[in-house]
């Protein structure tokens, strides 16, 4: 069986060569860290090379997504804790008192003619929206609105961001459960229906990523208990 020959002392690299190779490797690693890793991962570009290579924008997007995920997680934890100690308020049926007409006094000599029955009043159509809120968000500010809903209930919604597009996260929580329905970045408006996957709070988290203030207008209707501002 052939064994590898043991190298001679002259063939081994000297201490000076090892030190030089180590220094060169450290310099290359430092250059890659400053020009590639830091701009792409943390949006830090001290040399300006990352922006030329398009890596700084990638890092900025990662930082924004990380901030929004952390804010969303914190908001969900607050909502879960608040929902655990509360019960959904029962909606009491309105009691309508019926007016009792007193009989007209009978005349001794004359019989009062029968009054014509009033025509039935036309039914008033139910308004399309039950709630509407307007809130101004400064740059970087977020807010959250949720509906108290039973499992399988369907709510209609429509929202618009006046002044610029907005980031949103449609989700729900309650009873130890949580769900994410939809997320979006830079969306100016949206509308549709939200069906509750379980009994709890279901709604939207919004954040303004513009350089100016925006006005968020949210309208809701359908099968839900109440609209609550969570954040």
C-alpha atoms as a PDB file:
ATOM      1  CA  UNK A   1       0.000   0.000   0.000  1.00  0.00           C
ATOM      2  CA  UNK A   2       1.344   3.453  -0.963  1.00  0.00           C
ATOM      3  CA  UNK A   3       1.584   6.113   1.705  1.00  0.00           C
ATOM      4  CA  UNK A   4       2.020   9.811   0.980  1.00  0.00           C
ATOM      5  CA  UNK A   5       5.623  10.940   1.267  1.00  0.00           C
ATOM      6  CA  UNK A   6       6.436  13.104   4.240  1.00  0.00           C
ATOM      7  CA  UNK A   7       7.426  16.553   2.887  1.00  0.00           C
ATOM      8  CA  UNK A   8      10.898  17.852   3.554  1.00  0.00           C
ATOM      9  CA  UNK A   9      11.436  20.872   5.770  1.00  0.00           C
ATOM     10  CA  UNK A  10      12.356  22.896   2.655  1.00  0.00           C
ATOM     11  CA  UNK A  11       8.945  22.108   1.086  1.00  0.00           C
ATOM     12  CA  UNK A  12       6.954  23.337   4.088  1.00  0.00           C
ATOM     13  CA  UNK A  13       5.794  27.018   4.001  1.00  0.00           C
ATOM     14  CA  UNK A  14       7.798  29.300   6.211  1.00  0.00           C
ATOM     15  CA  UNK A  15       6.336  31.230   9.132  1.00  0.00           C
ATOM     16  CA  UNK A  16       6.586  34.448   7.137  1.00  0.00           C
ATOM     17  CA  UNK A  17       4.551  32.952   4.270  1.00  0.00           C
ATOM     18  CA  UNK A  18       1.880  31.712   6.675  1.00  0.00           C
ATOM     19  CA  UNK A  19       1.614  35.136   8.304  1.00  0.00           C
ATOM     20  CA  UNK A  20       1.443  36.858   4.917  1.00  0.00           C
ATOM     21  CA  UNK A  21      -1.271  34.454   3.678  1.00  0.00           C
ATOM     22  CA  UNK A  22      -3.255  35.000   6.868  1.00  0.00           C
ATOM     23  CA  UNK A  23      -3.028  38.800   6.512  1.00  0.00           C
ATOM     24  CA  UNK A  24      -4.096  38.639   2.837  1.00  0.00           C
ATOM     25  CA  UNK A  25      -7.074  36.408   3.699  1.00  0.00           C
ATOM     26  CA  UNK A  26      -8.108  38.759   6.515  1.00  0.00           C
ATOM     27  CA  UNK A  27      -7.913  41.790   4.182  1.00  0.00           C
ATOM     28  CA  UNK A  28     -10.031  40.018   1.523  1.00  0.00           C
ATOM     29  CA  UNK A  29     -12.593  38.997   4.151  1.00  0.00           C
ATOM     30  CA  UNK A  30     -12.730  42.572   5.501  1.00  0.00           C
ATOM     31  CA  UNK A  31     -13.227  44.003   1.996  1.00  0.00           C
ATOM     32  CA  UNK A  32     -16.054  41.534   1.301  1.00  0.00           C
ATOM     33  CA  UNK A  33     -17.631  42.349   4.672  1.00  0.00           C
ATOM     34  CA  UNK A  34     -17.613  46.113   4.032  1.00  0.00           C
ATOM     35  CA  UNK A  35     -18.561  46.079   0.320  1.00  0.00           C
ATOM     36  CA  UNK A  36     -20.942  43.090   0.113  1.00  0.00           C
ATOM     37  CA  UNK A  37     -22.184  41.646   3.420  1.00  0.00           C
ATOM     38  CA  UNK A  38     -22.901  44.877   5.331  1.00  0.00           C
ATOM     39  CA  UNK A  39     -24.832  46.616   2.467  1.00  0.00           C
ATOM     40  CA  UNK A  40     -26.810  43.472   1.522  1.00  0.00           C
ATOM     41  CA  UNK A  41     -27.733  42.350   5.050  1.00  0.00           C
ATOM     42  CA  UNK A  42     -27.825  45.527   7.188  1.00  0.00           C
ATOM     43  CA  UNK A  43     -28.080  48.414   4.616  1.00  0.00           C
ATOM     44  CA  UNK A  44     -24.731  49.783   5.899  1.00  0.00           C
ATOM     45  CA  UNK A  45     -22.586  51.100   3.034  1.00  0.00           C
ATOM     46  CA  UNK A  46     -19.561  53.065   4.333  1.00  0.00           C
ATOM     47  CA  UNK A  47     -17.683  52.809   1.004  1.00  0.00           C
ATOM     48  CA  UNK A  48     -20.572  53.414  -1.412  1.00  0.00           C
ATOM     49  CA  UNK A  49     -19.724  50.243  -3.340  1.00  0.00           C
ATOM     50  CA  UNK A  50     -22.863  48.478  -2.117  1.00  0.00           C
ATOM     51  CA  UNK A  51     -25.167  51.091  -3.700  1.00  0.00           C
ATOM     52  CA  UNK A  52     -23.260  50.854  -6.994  1.00  0.00           C
ATOM     53  CA  UNK A  53     -23.738  47.073  -6.950  1.00  0.00           C
ATOM     54  CA  UNK A  54     -27.419  47.354  -5.957  1.00  0.00           C
ATOM     55  CA  UNK A  55     -26.829  45.620  -2.615  1.00  0.00           C
ATOM     56  CA  UNK A  56     -27.720  48.534  -0.329  1.00  0.00           C
ATOM     57  CA  UNK A  57     -31.335  48.614  -1.568  1.00  0.00           C
ATOM     58  CA  UNK A  58     -31.586  44.882  -0.817  1.00  0.00           C
ATOM     59  CA  UNK A  59     -30.411  45.524   2.738  1.00  0.00           C
ATOM     60  CA  UNK A  60     -32.893  48.393   3.199  1.00  0.00           C
ATOM     61  CA  UNK A  61     -35.769  46.141   2.102  1.00  0.00           C
ATOM     62  CA  UNK A  62     -34.663  43.436   4.555  1.00  0.00           C
ATOM     63  CA  UNK A  63     -34.492  45.971   7.396  1.00  0.00           C
ATOM     64  CA  UNK A  64     -38.006  47.293   6.590  1.00  0.00           C
ATOM     65  CA  UNK A  65     -39.464  43.790   6.486  1.00  0.00           C
ATOM     66  CA  UNK A  66     -37.784  42.897   9.791  1.00  0.00           C
ATOM     67  CA  UNK A  67     -39.156  46.052  11.480  1.00  0.00           C
ATOM     68  CA  UNK A  68     -42.682  45.422  10.184  1.00  0.00           C
ATOM     69  CA  UNK A  69     -42.591  41.758  11.253  1.00  0.00           C
ATOM     70  CA  UNK A  70     -41.463  42.750  14.768  1.00  0.00           C
ATOM     71  CA  UNK A  71     -44.156  45.432  15.052  1.00  0.00           C
ATOM     72  CA  UNK A  72     -46.827  43.048  13.787  1.00  0.00           C
ATOM     73  CA  UNK A  73     -45.776  40.333  16.234  1.00  0.00           C
ATOM     74  CA  UNK A  74     -45.859  42.788  19.143  1.00  0.00           C
ATOM     75  CA  UNK A  75     -49.318  44.032  18.116  1.00  0.00           C
ATOM     76  CA  UNK A  76     -50.630  40.464  17.892  1.00  0.00           C
ATOM     77  CA  UNK A  77     -49.277  39.632  21.359  1.00  0.00           C
ATOM     78  CA  UNK A  78     -51.044  42.695  22.821  1.00  0.00           C
ATOM     79  CA  UNK A  79     -54.287  41.745  21.066  1.00  0.00           C
ATOM     80  CA  UNK A  80     -54.096  38.113  22.284  1.00  0.00           C
ATOM     81  CA  UNK A  81     -53.479  39.207  25.891  1.00  0.00           C
ATOM     82  CA  UNK A  82     -56.346  41.698  25.819  1.00  0.00           C
ATOM     83  CA  UNK A  83     -58.732  39.229  24.185  1.00  0.00           C
ATOM     84  CA  UNK A  84     -57.944  36.537  26.803  1.00  0.00           C
ATOM     85  CA  UNK A  85     -59.414  38.655  29.632  1.00  0.00           C
ATOM     86  CA  UNK A  86     -62.431  39.904  27.768  1.00  0.00           C
ATOM     87  CA  UNK A  87     -65.660  38.351  26.553  1.00  0.00           C
ATOM     88  CA  UNK A  88     -67.391  39.490  23.421  1.00  0.00           C
ATOM     89  CA  UNK A  89     -70.160  41.879  24.442  1.00  0.00           C
ATOM     90  CA  UNK A  90     -73.630  40.580  23.893  1.00  0.00           C
ATOM     91  CA  UNK A  91     -75.719  42.705  21.591  1.00  0.00           C
ATOM     92  CA  UNK A  92     -79.059  43.268  23.258  1.00  0.00           C
ATOM     93  CA  UNK A  93     -82.115  43.408  21.067  1.00  0.00           C
ATOM     94  CA  UNK A  94     -83.682  46.873  21.081  1.00  0.00           C
ATOM     95  CA  UNK A  95     -87.006  46.965  22.856  1.00  0.00           C
ATOM     96  CA  UNK A  96     -89.601  48.932  20.981  1.00  0.00           C
ATOM     97  CA  UNK A  97     -92.567  50.029  23.052  1.00  0.00           C
ATOM     98  CA  UNK A  98     -95.844  49.803  21.206  1.00  0.00           C
ATOM     99  CA  UNK A  99     -98.042  52.819  21.583  1.00  0.00           C
ATOM    100  CA  UNK A 100    -101.523  51.999  22.857  1.00  0.00           C
ATOM    101  CA  UNK A 101    -104.163  54.231  21.415  1.00  0.00           C
ATOM    102  CA  UNK A 102    -106.875  55.285  23.820  1.00  0.00           C
ATOM    103  CA  UNK A 103    -110.371  54.847  22.430  1.00  0.00           C
ATOM    104  CA  UNK A 104    -112.041  58.054  21.425  1.00  0.00           C
ATOM    105  CA  UNK A 105    -114.935  59.029  23.715  1.00  0.00           C
ATOM    106  CA  UNK A 106    -118.252  58.039  22.249  1.00  0.00           C
ATOM    107  CA  UNK A 107    -120.495  60.900  21.268  1.00  0.00           C
ATOM    108  CA  UNK A 108    -124.019  60.781  22.613  1.00  0.00           C
ATOM    109  CA  UNK A 109    -125.638  62.100  19.437  1.00  0.00           C
ATOM    110  CA  UNK A 110    -123.118  61.483  16.618  1.00  0.00           C
ATOM    111  CA  UNK A 111    -121.070  58.487  15.533  1.00  0.00           C
ATOM    112  CA  UNK A 112    -117.524  59.431  14.573  1.00  0.00           C
ATOM    113  CA  UNK A 113    -116.636  58.378  11.016  1.00  0.00           C
ATOM    114  CA  UNK A 114    -114.004  55.684  10.639  1.00  0.00           C
ATOM    115  CA  UNK A 115    -110.553  57.139  10.034  1.00  0.00           C
ATOM    116  CA  UNK A 116    -108.667  55.818   7.004  1.00  0.00           C
ATOM    117  CA  UNK A 117    -105.797  53.502   7.838  1.00  0.00           C
ATOM    118  CA  UNK A 118    -102.413  55.135   7.283  1.00  0.00           C
ATOM    119  CA  UNK A 119    -100.368  53.806   4.414  1.00  0.00           C
ATOM    120  CA  UNK A 120     -97.468  51.593   5.513  1.00  0.00           C
ATOM    121  CA  UNK A 121     -94.148  53.420   5.706  1.00  0.00           C
ATOM    122  CA  UNK A 122     -91.555  52.310   3.162  1.00  0.00           C
ATOM    123  CA  UNK A 123     -88.778  50.194   4.591  1.00  0.00           C
ATOM    124  CA  UNK A 124     -85.500  52.016   4.994  1.00  0.00           C
ATOM    125  CA  UNK A 125     -82.683  50.243   3.169  1.00  0.00           C
ATOM    126  CA  UNK A 126     -79.800  49.182   5.376  1.00  0.00           C
ATOM    127  CA  UNK A 127     -76.722  51.360   4.771  1.00  0.00           C
ATOM    128  CA  UNK A 128     -73.831  49.691   2.990  1.00  0.00           C
ATOM    129  CA  UNK A 129     -71.302  50.535   5.714  1.00  0.00           C
ATOM    130  CA  UNK A 130     -71.793  50.262   9.465  1.00  0.00           C
ATOM    131  CA  UNK A 131     -68.526  51.937  10.517  1.00  0.00           C
ATOM    132  CA  UNK A 132     -66.117  54.423   8.976  1.00  0.00           C
ATOM    133  CA  UNK A 133     -62.846  55.672  10.488  1.00  0.00           C
ATOM    134  CA  UNK A 134     -60.267  58.191   9.335  1.00  0.00           C
ATOM    135  CA  UNK A 135     -56.758  58.344  10.799  1.00  0.00           C
ATOM    136  CA  UNK A 136     -53.672  60.359   9.821  1.00  0.00           C
ATOM    137  CA  UNK A 137     -50.366  58.440   9.870  1.00  0.00           C
ATOM    138  CA  UNK A 138     -47.017  60.216   9.962  1.00  0.00           C
ATOM    139  CA  UNK A 139     -43.980  58.699   8.158  1.00  0.00           C
ATOM    140  CA  UNK A 140     -43.134  55.340   9.751  1.00  0.00           C
ATOM    141  CA  UNK A 141     -46.266  55.302  11.971  1.00  0.00           C
ATOM    142  CA  UNK A 142     -48.540  52.248  12.177  1.00  0.00           C
ATOM    143  CA  UNK A 143     -52.096  51.526  13.351  1.00  0.00           C
ATOM    144  CA  UNK A 144     -54.345  48.482  13.750  1.00  0.00           C
ATOM    145  CA  UNK A 145     -58.130  47.945  13.540  1.00  0.00           C
ATOM    146  CA  UNK A 146     -59.983  44.693  14.229  1.00  0.00           C
ATOM    147  CA  UNK A 147     -63.550  43.362  14.103  1.00  0.00           C
ATOM    148  CA  UNK A 148     -65.006  41.047  16.760  1.00  0.00           C
ATOM    149  CA  UNK A 149     -66.377  38.126  14.728  1.00  0.00           C
ATOM    150  CA  UNK A 150     -67.807  34.647  15.205  1.00  0.00           C
ATOM    151  CA  UNK A 151     -66.401  31.701  13.264  1.00  0.00           C
ATOM    152  CA  UNK A 152     -67.711  31.711   9.682  1.00  0.00           C
ATOM    153  CA  UNK A 153     -69.017  35.302   9.859  1.00  0.00           C
ATOM    154  CA  UNK A 154     -68.384  37.463   6.778  1.00  0.00           C
ATOM    155  CA  UNK A 155     -67.599  41.198   6.927  1.00  0.00           C
ATOM    156  CA  UNK A 156     -67.299  43.610   4.008  1.00  0.00           C
ATOM    157  CA  UNK A 157     -64.504  46.190   3.940  1.00  0.00           C
ATOM    158  CA  UNK A 158     -63.056  48.991   1.863  1.00  0.00           C
ATOM    159  CA  UNK A 159     -59.992  51.103   2.662  1.00  0.00           C
ATOM    160  CA  UNK A 160     -58.019  53.756   0.815  1.00  0.00           C
ATOM    161  CA  UNK A 161     -54.758  55.546   1.604  1.00  0.00           C
ATOM    162  CA  UNK A 162     -54.947  59.237   0.653  1.00  0.00           C
ATOM    163  CA  UNK A 163     -51.524  60.778   0.055  1.00  0.00           C
ATOM    164  CA  UNK A 164     -49.570  57.667  -0.937  1.00  0.00           C
ATOM    165  CA  UNK A 165     -49.587  53.844  -0.891  1.00  0.00           C
ATOM    166  CA  UNK A 166     -49.372  51.907   2.378  1.00  0.00           C
ATOM    167  CA  UNK A 167     -48.186  48.543   3.736  1.00  0.00           C
ATOM    168  CA  UNK A 168     -50.811  46.257   5.313  1.00  0.00           C
ATOM    169  CA  UNK A 169     -51.220  42.879   7.022  1.00  0.00           C
ATOM    170  CA  UNK A 170     -54.682  41.267   7.276  1.00  0.00           C
ATOM    171  CA  UNK A 171     -54.733  38.768  10.154  1.00  0.00           C
ATOM    172  CA  UNK A 172     -56.765  37.409  13.071  1.00  0.00           C
ATOM    173  CA  UNK A 173     -56.317  36.049  16.595  1.00  0.00           C
ATOM    174  CA  UNK A 174     -58.376  34.760  19.497  1.00  0.00           C
ATOM    175  CA  UNK A 175     -58.737  31.748  21.767  1.00  0.00           C
ATOM    176  CA  UNK A 176     -55.033  30.958  21.478  1.00  0.00           C
ATOM    177  CA  UNK A 177     -55.232  30.854  17.656  1.00  0.00           C
ATOM    178  CA  UNK A 178     -53.786  33.209  15.029  1.00  0.00           C
ATOM    179  CA  UNK A 179     -53.930  33.430  11.231  1.00  0.00           C
ATOM    180  CA  UNK A 180     -52.499  35.648   8.471  1.00  0.00           C
ATOM    181  CA  UNK A 181     -54.907  36.230   5.576  1.00  0.00           C
ATOM    182  CA  UNK A 182     -52.966  38.609   3.305  1.00  0.00           C
ATOM    183  CA  UNK A 183     -49.996  41.012   3.267  1.00  0.00           C
ATOM    184  CA  UNK A 184     -49.143  43.815   0.869  1.00  0.00           C
ATOM    185  CA  UNK A 185     -46.499  46.525   0.293  1.00  0.00           C
ATOM    186  CA  UNK A 186     -47.139  49.872  -1.361  1.00  0.00           C
ATOM    187  CA  UNK A 187     -50.889  49.338  -1.929  1.00  0.00           C
ATOM    188  CA  UNK A 188     -53.066  52.471  -2.417  1.00  0.00           C
ATOM    189  CA  UNK A 189     -56.479  50.840  -1.731  1.00  0.00           C
ATOM    190  CA  UNK A 190     -58.307  47.529  -1.300  1.00  0.00           C
ATOM    191  CA  UNK A 191     -61.831  46.167  -0.811  1.00  0.00           C
ATOM    192  CA  UNK A 192     -63.566  42.806  -0.469  1.00  0.00           C
ATOM    193  CA  UNK A 193     -64.874  40.378   2.155  1.00  0.00           C
ATOM    194  CA  UNK A 194     -63.223  38.966   5.282  1.00  0.00           C
ATOM    195  CA  UNK A 195     -64.473  35.562   6.527  1.00  0.00           C
ATOM    196  CA  UNK A 196     -63.495  34.707  10.104  1.00  0.00           C
ATOM    197  CA  UNK A 197     -61.596  31.409  10.338  1.00  0.00           C
ATOM    198  CA  UNK A 198     -62.434  31.210  14.056  1.00  0.00           C
ATOM    199  CA  UNK A 199     -64.131  33.251  16.779  1.00  0.00           C
ATOM    200  CA  UNK A 200     -61.968  36.209  17.775  1.00  0.00           C
ATOM    201  CA  UNK A 201     -60.579  39.497  16.471  1.00  0.00           C
ATOM    202  CA  UNK A 202     -59.920  39.851  12.733  1.00  0.00           C
ATOM    203  CA  UNK A 203     -58.672  42.944  10.915  1.00  0.00           C
ATOM    204  CA  UNK A 204     -55.777  44.960   9.535  1.00  0.00           C
ATOM    205  CA  UNK A 205     -52.397  46.392  10.561  1.00  0.00           C
ATOM    206  CA  UNK A 206     -51.282  49.409   8.491  1.00  0.00           C
ATOM    207  CA  UNK A 207     -47.926  51.243   8.318  1.00  0.00           C
ATOM    208  CA  UNK A 208     -47.001  54.440   6.433  1.00  0.00           C
ATOM    209  CA  UNK A 209     -43.646  54.051   4.626  1.00  0.00           C
ATOM    210  CA  UNK A 210     -43.922  57.334   2.733  1.00  0.00           C
ATOM    211  CA  UNK A 211     -41.923  60.491   3.447  1.00  0.00           C
ATOM    212  CA  UNK A 212     -45.165  62.433   4.032  1.00  0.00           C
ATOM    213  CA  UNK A 213     -48.334  62.109   6.111  1.00  0.00           C
ATOM    214  CA  UNK A 214     -51.178  60.011   4.678  1.00  0.00           C
ATOM    215  CA  UNK A 215     -54.872  59.725   5.606  1.00  0.00           C
ATOM    216  CA  UNK A 216     -56.252  56.201   5.959  1.00  0.00           C
ATOM    217  CA  UNK A 217     -60.024  55.774   5.429  1.00  0.00           C
ATOM    218  CA  UNK A 218     -61.472  52.392   6.516  1.00  0.00           C
ATOM    219  CA  UNK A 219     -65.138  51.384   5.994  1.00  0.00           C
ATOM    220  CA  UNK A 220     -66.682  48.133   7.260  1.00  0.00           C
ATOM    221  CA  UNK A 221     -70.054  46.396   7.171  1.00  0.00           C
ATOM    222  CA  UNK A 222     -71.602  42.958   7.470  1.00  0.00           C
ATOM    223  CA  UNK A 223     -71.676  40.323  10.202  1.00  0.00           C
ATOM    224  CA  UNK A 224     -69.507  41.448  13.132  1.00  0.00           C
ATOM    225  CA  UNK A 225     -69.869  42.764  16.664  1.00  0.00           C
ATOM    226  CA  UNK A 226     -67.823  45.954  16.782  1.00  0.00           C
ATOM    227  CA  UNK A 227     -64.848  47.689  15.188  1.00  0.00           C
ATOM    228  CA  UNK A 228     -61.991  48.246  17.657  1.00  0.00           C
ATOM    229  CA  UNK A 229     -58.789  50.312  17.361  1.00  0.00           C
ATOM    230  CA  UNK A 230     -56.045  48.065  18.740  1.00  0.00           C
ATOM    231  CA  UNK A 231     -53.013  50.310  18.095  1.00  0.00           C
END
